[in-house]
Amino acid sequence: MTTKAIFYHAGCSVCVAAEQQFAKALDPQRYEIEVVHLGESKDRLAEAERYGVKSVPALVIDGQPFHINYGASVEQLR
């Protein structure tokens, strides 16, 4: 059984580096990973906020947000 993991980002250099370091480091046997570019998928902003995402890049695992570094606030992406 895999655990759902969502990596939210905005495409900036901080986000891309975090995706390469964190999201791609997760074991695909254990985690079903979805990468969401919030700059391109603004319809997913409310979803990210419901998970507690305050800034990107952020990784949500089992509904728990982990803020990796500060690239942009969710408000800046609106």
PDB file of N, CA and C in Angstrom:
ATOM      1  N   MET A   1       0.840  -1.179   0.000  1.00  0.00           N
ATOM      2  CA  MET A   1       0.000   0.000   0.000  1.00  0.00           C
ATOM      3  C   MET A   1       0.886   1.244   0.000  1.00  0.00           C
ATOM      4  N   THR A   2       0.551   2.210  -0.862  1.00  0.00           N
ATOM      5  CA  THR A   2       1.331   3.439  -0.919  1.00  0.00           C
ATOM      6  C   THR A   2       0.617   4.567  -0.182  1.00  0.00           C
ATOM      7  N   THR A   3       1.393   5.522   0.247  1.00  0.00           N
ATOM      8  CA  THR A   3       0.905   6.708   0.923  1.00  0.00           C
ATOM      9  C   THR A   3       0.907   7.853  -0.069  1.00  0.00           C
ATOM     10  N   LYS A   4      -0.142   8.655  -0.055  1.00  0.00           N
ATOM     11  CA  LYS A   4      -0.254   9.802  -0.960  1.00  0.00           C
ATOM     12  C   LYS A   4       0.658  10.926  -0.490  1.00  0.00           C
ATOM     13  N   ALA A   5       1.452  11.471  -1.407  1.00  0.00           N
ATOM     14  CA  ALA A   5       2.313  12.631  -1.141  1.00  0.00           C
ATOM     15  C   ALA A   5       2.101  13.622  -2.274  1.00  0.00           C
ATOM     16  N   ILE A   6       1.870  14.889  -1.901  1.00  0.00           N
ATOM     17  CA  ILE A   6       1.683  15.939  -2.902  1.00  0.00           C
ATOM     18  C   ILE A   6       2.760  16.992  -2.690  1.00  0.00           C
ATOM     19  N   PHE A   7       3.500  17.279  -3.749  1.00  0.00           N
ATOM     20  CA  PHE A   7       4.531  18.311  -3.701  1.00  0.00           C
ATOM     21  C   PHE A   7       3.983  19.531  -4.424  1.00  0.00           C
ATOM     22  N   TYR A   8       3.745  20.608  -3.675  1.00  0.00           N
ATOM     23  CA  TYR A   8       3.248  21.862  -4.247  1.00  0.00           C
ATOM     24  C   TYR A   8       4.426  22.797  -4.482  1.00  0.00           C
ATOM     25  N   HIS A   9       4.437  23.443  -5.654  1.00  0.00           N
ATOM     26  CA  HIS A   9       5.513  24.382  -5.945  1.00  0.00           C
ATOM     27  C   HIS A   9       5.012  25.446  -6.902  1.00  0.00           C
ATOM     28  N   ALA A  10       5.870  26.435  -7.186  1.00  0.00           N
ATOM     29  CA  ALA A  10       5.497  27.531  -8.078  1.00  0.00           C
ATOM     30  C   ALA A  10       6.445  27.660  -9.266  1.00  0.00           C
ATOM     31  N   GLY A  11       7.365  26.727  -9.407  1.00  0.00           N
ATOM     32  CA  GLY A  11       8.260  26.746 -10.551  1.00  0.00           C
ATOM     33  C   GLY A  11       9.517  27.575 -10.388  1.00  0.00           C
ATOM     34  N   CYS A  12       9.678  28.229  -9.262  1.00  0.00           N
ATOM     35  CA  CYS A  12      10.878  29.049  -9.038  1.00  0.00           C
ATOM     36  C   CYS A  12      12.094  28.147  -8.798  1.00  0.00           C
ATOM     37  N   SER A  13      13.271  28.726  -8.785  1.00  0.00           N
ATOM     38  CA  SER A  13      14.487  27.922  -8.611  1.00  0.00           C
ATOM     39  C   SER A  13      14.520  27.222  -7.260  1.00  0.00           C
ATOM     40  N   VAL A  14      14.006  27.861  -6.215  1.00  0.00           N
ATOM     41  CA  VAL A  14      13.939  27.222  -4.889  1.00  0.00           C
ATOM     42  C   VAL A  14      13.037  25.992  -4.953  1.00  0.00           C
ATOM     43  N   CYS A  15      11.899  26.133  -5.637  1.00  0.00           N
ATOM     44  CA  CYS A  15      10.948  25.024  -5.748  1.00  0.00           C
ATOM     45  C   CYS A  15      11.508  23.867  -6.570  1.00  0.00           C
ATOM     46  N   VAL A  16      12.144  24.191  -7.662  1.00  0.00           N
ATOM     47  CA  VAL A  16      12.713  23.149  -8.529  1.00  0.00           C
ATOM     48  C   VAL A  16      13.798  22.380  -7.780  1.00  0.00           C
ATOM     49  N   ALA A  17      14.647  23.090  -7.054  1.00  0.00           N
ATOM     50  CA  ALA A  17      15.694  22.429  -6.266  1.00  0.00           C
ATOM     51  C   ALA A  17      15.077  21.536  -5.195  1.00  0.00           C
ATOM     52  N   ALA A  18      14.022  22.010  -4.548  1.00  0.00           N
ATOM     53  CA  ALA A  18      13.360  21.209  -3.521  1.00  0.00           C
ATOM     54  C   ALA A  18      12.714  19.968  -4.123  1.00  0.00           C
ATOM     55  N   GLU A  19      12.108  20.119  -5.291  1.00  0.00           N
ATOM     56  CA  GLU A  19      11.511  18.955  -5.954  1.00  0.00           C
ATOM     57  C   GLU A  19      12.575  17.908  -6.245  1.00  0.00           C
ATOM     58  N   GLN A  20      13.708  18.343  -6.748  1.00  0.00           N
ATOM     59  CA  GLN A  20      14.779  17.405  -7.075  1.00  0.00           C
ATOM     60  C   GLN A  20      15.324  16.720  -5.818  1.00  0.00           C
ATOM     61  N   GLN A  21      15.386  17.456  -4.721  1.00  0.00           N
ATOM     62  CA  GLN A  21      15.960  16.908  -3.490  1.00  0.00           C
ATOM     63  C   GLN A  21      14.971  16.075  -2.685  1.00  0.00           C
ATOM     64  N   PHE A  22      13.747  16.527  -2.572  1.00  0.00           N
ATOM     65  CA  PHE A  22      12.791  15.892  -1.663  1.00  0.00           C
ATOM     66  C   PHE A  22      11.792  14.979  -2.363  1.00  0.00           C
ATOM     67  N   ALA A  23      11.038  15.522  -3.284  1.00  0.00           N
ATOM     68  CA  ALA A  23       9.982  14.735  -3.915  1.00  0.00           C
ATOM     69  C   ALA A  23      10.548  13.525  -4.653  1.00  0.00           C
ATOM     70  N   LYS A  24      11.654  13.717  -5.341  1.00  0.00           N
ATOM     71  CA  LYS A  24      12.233  12.611  -6.098  1.00  0.00           C
ATOM     72  C   LYS A  24      13.008  11.636  -5.217  1.00  0.00           C
ATOM     73  N   ALA A  25      13.252  12.024  -3.972  1.00  0.00           N
ATOM     74  CA  ALA A  25      13.964  11.139  -3.048  1.00  0.00           C
ATOM     75  C   ALA A  25      13.024  10.151  -2.365  1.00  0.00           C
ATOM     76  N   LEU A  26      11.724  10.395  -2.451  1.00  0.00           N
ATOM     77  CA  LEU A  26      10.768   9.488  -1.812  1.00  0.00           C
ATOM     78  C   LEU A  26      10.713   8.156  -2.557  1.00  0.00           C
ATOM     79  N   ASP A  27      10.615   7.106  -1.813  1.00  0.00           N
ATOM     80  CA  ASP A  27      10.551   5.757  -2.367  1.00  0.00           C
ATOM     81  C   ASP A  27       9.209   5.548  -3.072  1.00  0.00           C
ATOM     82  N   PRO A  28       9.215   5.352  -4.392  1.00  0.00           N
ATOM     83  CA  PRO A  28       7.949   5.176  -5.110  1.00  0.00           C
ATOM     84  C   PRO A  28       7.202   3.896  -4.722  1.00  0.00           C
ATOM     85  N   GLN A  29       7.881   2.979  -4.064  1.00  0.00           N
ATOM     86  CA  GLN A  29       7.205   1.783  -3.556  1.00  0.00           C
ATOM     87  C   GLN A  29       6.346   2.114  -2.336  1.00  0.00           C
ATOM     88  N   ARG A  30       6.703   3.204  -1.653  1.00  0.00           N
ATOM     89  CA  ARG A  30       5.983   3.599  -0.436  1.00  0.00           C
ATOM     90  C   ARG A  30       5.074   4.802  -0.627  1.00  0.00           C
ATOM     91  N   TYR A  31       5.409   5.673  -1.600  1.00  0.00           N
ATOM     92  CA  TYR A  31       4.672   6.923  -1.780  1.00  0.00           C
ATOM     93  C   TYR A  31       4.189   7.101  -3.204  1.00  0.00           C
ATOM     94  N   GLU A  32       2.914   7.430  -3.351  1.00  0.00           N
ATOM     95  CA  GLU A  32       2.352   7.858  -4.628  1.00  0.00           C
ATOM     96  C   GLU A  32       2.531   9.368  -4.652  1.00  0.00           C
ATOM     97  N   ILE A  33       3.409   9.865  -5.512  1.00  0.00           N
ATOM     98  CA  ILE A  33       3.796  11.273  -5.506  1.00  0.00           C
ATOM     99  C   ILE A  33       3.109  12.020  -6.652  1.00  0.00           C
ATOM    100  N   GLU A  34       2.469  13.120  -6.280  1.00  0.00           N
ATOM    101  CA  GLU A  34       1.881  14.016  -7.268  1.00  0.00           C
ATOM    102  C   GLU A  34       2.577  15.364  -7.136  1.00  0.00           C
ATOM    103  N   VAL A  35       3.015  15.928  -8.248  1.00  0.00           N
ATOM    104  CA  VAL A  35       3.657  17.239  -8.253  1.00  0.00           C
ATOM    105  C   VAL A  35       2.657  18.230  -8.838  1.00  0.00           C
ATOM    106  N   VAL A  36       2.393  19.312  -8.074  1.00  0.00           N
ATOM    107  CA  VAL A  36       1.418  20.316  -8.496  1.00  0.00           C
ATOM    108  C   VAL A  36       2.102  21.674  -8.587  1.00  0.00           C
ATOM    109  N   HIS A  37       2.114  22.239  -9.778  1.00  0.00           N
ATOM    110  CA  HIS A  37       2.664  23.579 -10.028  1.00  0.00           C
ATOM    111  C   HIS A  37       1.516  24.558  -9.808  1.00  0.00           C
ATOM    112  N   LEU A  38       1.503  25.232  -8.660  1.00  0.00           N
ATOM    113  CA  LEU A  38       0.394  26.114  -8.319  1.00  0.00           C
ATOM    114  C   LEU A  38       0.351  27.375  -9.166  1.00  0.00           C
ATOM    115  N   GLY A  39       1.443  27.736  -9.788  1.00  0.00           N
ATOM    116  CA  GLY A  39       1.426  28.868 -10.710  1.00  0.00           C
ATOM    117  C   GLY A  39       0.630  28.548 -11.966  1.00  0.00           C
ATOM    118  N   GLU A  40       0.626  27.290 -12.358  1.00  0.00           N
ATOM    119  CA  GLU A  40      -0.102  26.849 -13.551  1.00  0.00           C
ATOM    120  C   GLU A  40      -1.460  26.256 -13.209  1.00  0.00           C
ATOM    121  N   SER A  41      -1.631  25.774 -11.986  1.00  0.00           N
ATOM    122  CA  SER A  41      -2.880  25.135 -11.556  1.00  0.00           C
ATOM    123  C   SER A  41      -3.488  25.904 -10.395  1.00  0.00           C
ATOM    124  N   LYS A  42      -3.872  27.139 -10.670  1.00  0.00           N
ATOM    125  CA  LYS A  42      -4.408  27.999  -9.610  1.00  0.00           C
ATOM    126  C   LYS A  42      -5.693  27.434  -9.012  1.00  0.00           C
ATOM    127  N   ASP A  43      -6.367  26.563  -9.753  1.00  0.00           N
ATOM    128  CA  ASP A  43      -7.569  25.929  -9.226  1.00  0.00           C
ATOM    129  C   ASP A  43      -7.257  24.985  -8.062  1.00  0.00           C
ATOM    130  N   ARG A  44      -5.999  24.697  -7.825  1.00  0.00           N
ATOM    131  CA  ARG A  44      -5.606  23.812  -6.717  1.00  0.00           C
ATOM    132  C   ARG A  44      -5.135  24.588  -5.479  1.00  0.00           C
ATOM    133  N   LEU A  45      -5.138  25.942  -5.546  1.00  0.00           N
ATOM    134  CA  LEU A  45      -4.699  26.760  -4.413  1.00  0.00           C
ATOM    135  C   LEU A  45      -5.539  26.493  -3.164  1.00  0.00           C
ATOM    136  N   ALA A  46      -6.852  26.446  -3.310  1.00  0.00           N
ATOM    137  CA  ALA A  46      -7.732  26.208  -2.152  1.00  0.00           C
ATOM    138  C   ALA A  46      -7.448  24.843  -1.528  1.00  0.00           C
ATOM    139  N   GLU A  47      -7.198  23.857  -2.363  1.00  0.00           N
ATOM    140  CA  GLU A  47      -6.846  22.518  -1.873  1.00  0.00           C
ATOM    141  C   GLU A  47      -5.573  22.575  -1.029  1.00  0.00           C
ATOM    142  N   ALA A  48      -4.562  23.252  -1.555  1.00  0.00           N
ATOM    143  CA  ALA A  48      -3.294  23.365  -0.820  1.00  0.00           C
ATOM    144  C   ALA A  48      -3.520  24.061   0.522  1.00  0.00           C
ATOM    145  N   GLU A  49      -4.327  25.111   0.520  1.00  0.00           N
ATOM    146  CA  GLU A  49      -4.621  25.823   1.769  1.00  0.00           C
ATOM    147  C   GLU A  49      -5.366  24.940   2.757  1.00  0.00           C
ATOM    148  N   ARG A  50      -6.282  24.109   2.283  1.00  0.00           N
ATOM    149  CA  ARG A  50      -7.000  23.179   3.184  1.00  0.00           C
ATOM    150  C   ARG A  50      -6.026  22.216   3.873  1.00  0.00           C
ATOM    151  N   TYR A  51      -4.951  21.864   3.189  1.00  0.00           N
ATOM    152  CA  TYR A  51      -3.926  21.014   3.794  1.00  0.00           C
ATOM    153  C   TYR A  51      -3.022  21.792   4.748  1.00  0.00           C
ATOM    154  N   GLY A  52      -3.156  23.108   4.776  1.00  0.00           N
ATOM    155  CA  GLY A  52      -2.328  23.920   5.660  1.00  0.00           C
ATOM    156  C   GLY A  52      -1.080  24.479   5.018  1.00  0.00           C
ATOM    157  N   VAL A  53      -0.991  24.398   3.694  1.00  0.00           N
ATOM    158  CA  VAL A  53       0.164  24.937   2.993  1.00  0.00           C
ATOM    159  C   VAL A  53       0.099  26.462   3.052  1.00  0.00           C
ATOM    160  N   LYS A  54       1.154  27.068   3.560  1.00  0.00           N
ATOM    161  CA  LYS A  54       1.243  28.525   3.682  1.00  0.00           C
ATOM    162  C   LYS A  54       2.199  29.114   2.649  1.00  0.00           C
ATOM    163  N   SER A  55       3.177  28.328   2.232  1.00  0.00           N
ATOM    164  CA  SER A  55       4.150  28.771   1.248  1.00  0.00           C
ATOM    165  C   SER A  55       4.658  27.555   0.479  1.00  0.00           C
ATOM    166  N   VAL A  56       5.252  27.847  -0.656  1.00  0.00           N
ATOM    167  CA  VAL A  56       5.824  26.774  -1.472  1.00  0.00           C
ATOM    168  C   VAL A  56       7.329  26.975  -1.565  1.00  0.00           C
ATOM    169  N   PRO A  57       8.079  25.930  -1.711  1.00  0.00           N
ATOM    170  CA  PRO A  57       7.667  24.552  -1.889  1.00  0.00           C
ATOM    171  C   PRO A  57       7.203  23.919  -0.584  1.00  0.00           C
ATOM    172  N   ALA A  58       6.255  23.021  -0.728  1.00  0.00           N
ATOM    173  CA  ALA A  58       5.735  22.290   0.423  1.00  0.00           C
ATOM    174  C   ALA A  58       5.390  20.865  -0.006  1.00  0.00           C
ATOM    175  N   LEU A  59       5.600  19.953   0.895  1.00  0.00           N
ATOM    176  CA  LEU A  59       5.293  18.554   0.661  1.00  0.00           C
ATOM    177  C   LEU A  59       4.226  18.146   1.657  1.00  0.00           C
ATOM    178  N   VAL A  60       3.119  17.587   1.166  1.00  0.00           N
ATOM    179  CA  VAL A  60       2.032  17.129   2.029  1.00  0.00           C
ATOM    180  C   VAL A  60       2.013  15.611   1.981  1.00  0.00           C
ATOM    181  N   ILE A  61       2.160  14.997   3.141  1.00  0.00           N
ATOM    182  CA  ILE A  61       2.120  13.539   3.254  1.00  0.00           C
ATOM    183  C   ILE A  61       1.024  13.189   4.251  1.00  0.00           C
ATOM    184  N   ASP A  62       0.069  12.372   3.812  1.00  0.00           N
ATOM    185  CA  ASP A  62      -1.070  11.995   4.652  1.00  0.00           C
ATOM    186  C   ASP A  62      -1.758  13.211   5.260  1.00  0.00           C
ATOM    187  N   GLY A  63      -1.889  14.276   4.485  1.00  0.00           N
ATOM    188  CA  GLY A  63      -2.579  15.465   4.950  1.00  0.00           C
ATOM    189  C   GLY A  63      -1.768  16.387   5.829  1.00  0.00           C
ATOM    190  N   GLN A  64      -0.515  16.051   6.102  1.00  0.00           N
ATOM    191  CA  GLN A  64       0.358  16.859   6.959  1.00  0.00           C
ATOM    192  C   GLN A  64       1.319  17.662   6.087  1.00  0.00           C
ATOM    193  N   PRO A  65       1.265  19.022   6.167  1.00  0.00           N
ATOM    194  CA  PRO A  65       2.165  19.823   5.341  1.00  0.00           C
ATOM    195  C   PRO A  65       3.558  19.952   5.961  1.00  0.00           C
ATOM    196  N   PHE A  66       4.555  19.898   5.105  1.00  0.00           N
ATOM    197  CA  PHE A  66       5.944  20.117   5.494  1.00  0.00           C
ATOM    198  C   PHE A  66       6.476  21.222   4.593  1.00  0.00           C
ATOM    199  N   HIS A  67       6.754  22.374   5.181  1.00  0.00           N
ATOM    200  CA  HIS A  67       7.273  23.509   4.428  1.00  0.00           C
ATOM    201  C   HIS A  67       8.791  23.371   4.350  1.00  0.00           C
ATOM    202  N   ILE A  68       9.289  23.243   3.137  1.00  0.00           N
ATOM    203  CA  ILE A  68      10.688  22.905   2.922  1.00  0.00           C
ATOM    204  C   ILE A  68      11.585  24.138   2.956  1.00  0.00           C
ATOM    205  N   ASN A  69      11.171  25.179   2.288  1.00  0.00           N
ATOM    206  CA  ASN A  69      11.946  26.405   2.205  1.00  0.00           C
ATOM    207  C   ASN A  69      10.954  27.481   1.801  1.00  0.00           C
ATOM    208  N   TYR A  70      11.308  28.721   1.951  1.00  0.00           N
ATOM    209  CA  TYR A  70      10.359  29.774   1.582  1.00  0.00           C
ATOM    210  C   TYR A  70      10.665  30.290   0.184  1.00  0.00           C
ATOM    211  N   GLY A  71       9.808  29.926  -0.762  1.00  0.00           N
ATOM    212  CA  GLY A  71       9.945  30.412  -2.122  1.00  0.00           C
ATOM    213  C   GLY A  71       8.923  31.492  -2.410  1.00  0.00           C
ATOM    214  N   ALA A  72       7.656  31.234  -2.076  1.00  0.00           N
ATOM    215  CA  ALA A  72       6.562  32.195  -2.278  1.00  0.00           C
ATOM    216  C   ALA A  72       5.413  31.805  -1.375  1.00  0.00           C
ATOM    217  N   SER A  73       4.692  32.801  -0.891  1.00  0.00           N
ATOM    218  CA  SER A  73       3.505  32.505  -0.087  1.00  0.00           C
ATOM    219  C   SER A  73       2.381  32.113  -1.023  1.00  0.00           C
ATOM    220  N   VAL A  74       1.409  31.396  -0.495  1.00  0.00           N
ATOM    221  CA  VAL A  74       0.242  31.016  -1.287  1.00  0.00           C
ATOM    222  C   VAL A  74      -0.480  32.277  -1.759  1.00  0.00           C
ATOM    223  N   GLU A  75      -0.524  33.295  -0.933  1.00  0.00           N
ATOM    224  CA  GLU A  75      -1.161  34.563  -1.309  1.00  0.00           C
ATOM    225  C   GLU A  75      -0.509  35.181  -2.547  1.00  0.00           C
ATOM    226  N   GLN A  76       0.799  35.077  -2.652  1.00  0.00           N
ATOM    227  CA  GLN A  76       1.512  35.636  -3.802  1.00  0.00           C
ATOM    228  C   GLN A  76       1.153  34.926  -5.107  1.00  0.00           C
ATOM    229  N   LEU A  77       0.653  33.714  -5.006  1.00  0.00           N
ATOM    230  CA  LEU A  77       0.337  32.914  -6.188  1.00  0.00           C
ATOM    231  C   LEU A  77      -1.055  33.224  -6.748  1.00  0.00           C
ATOM    232  N   ARG A  78      -1.854  33.942  -5.998  1.00  0.00           N
ATOM    233  CA  ARG A  78      -3.227  34.262  -6.456  1.00  0.00           C
ATOM    234  C   ARG A  78      -3.220  35.186  -7.637  1.00  0.00           C
TER     235      ARG A  78
END
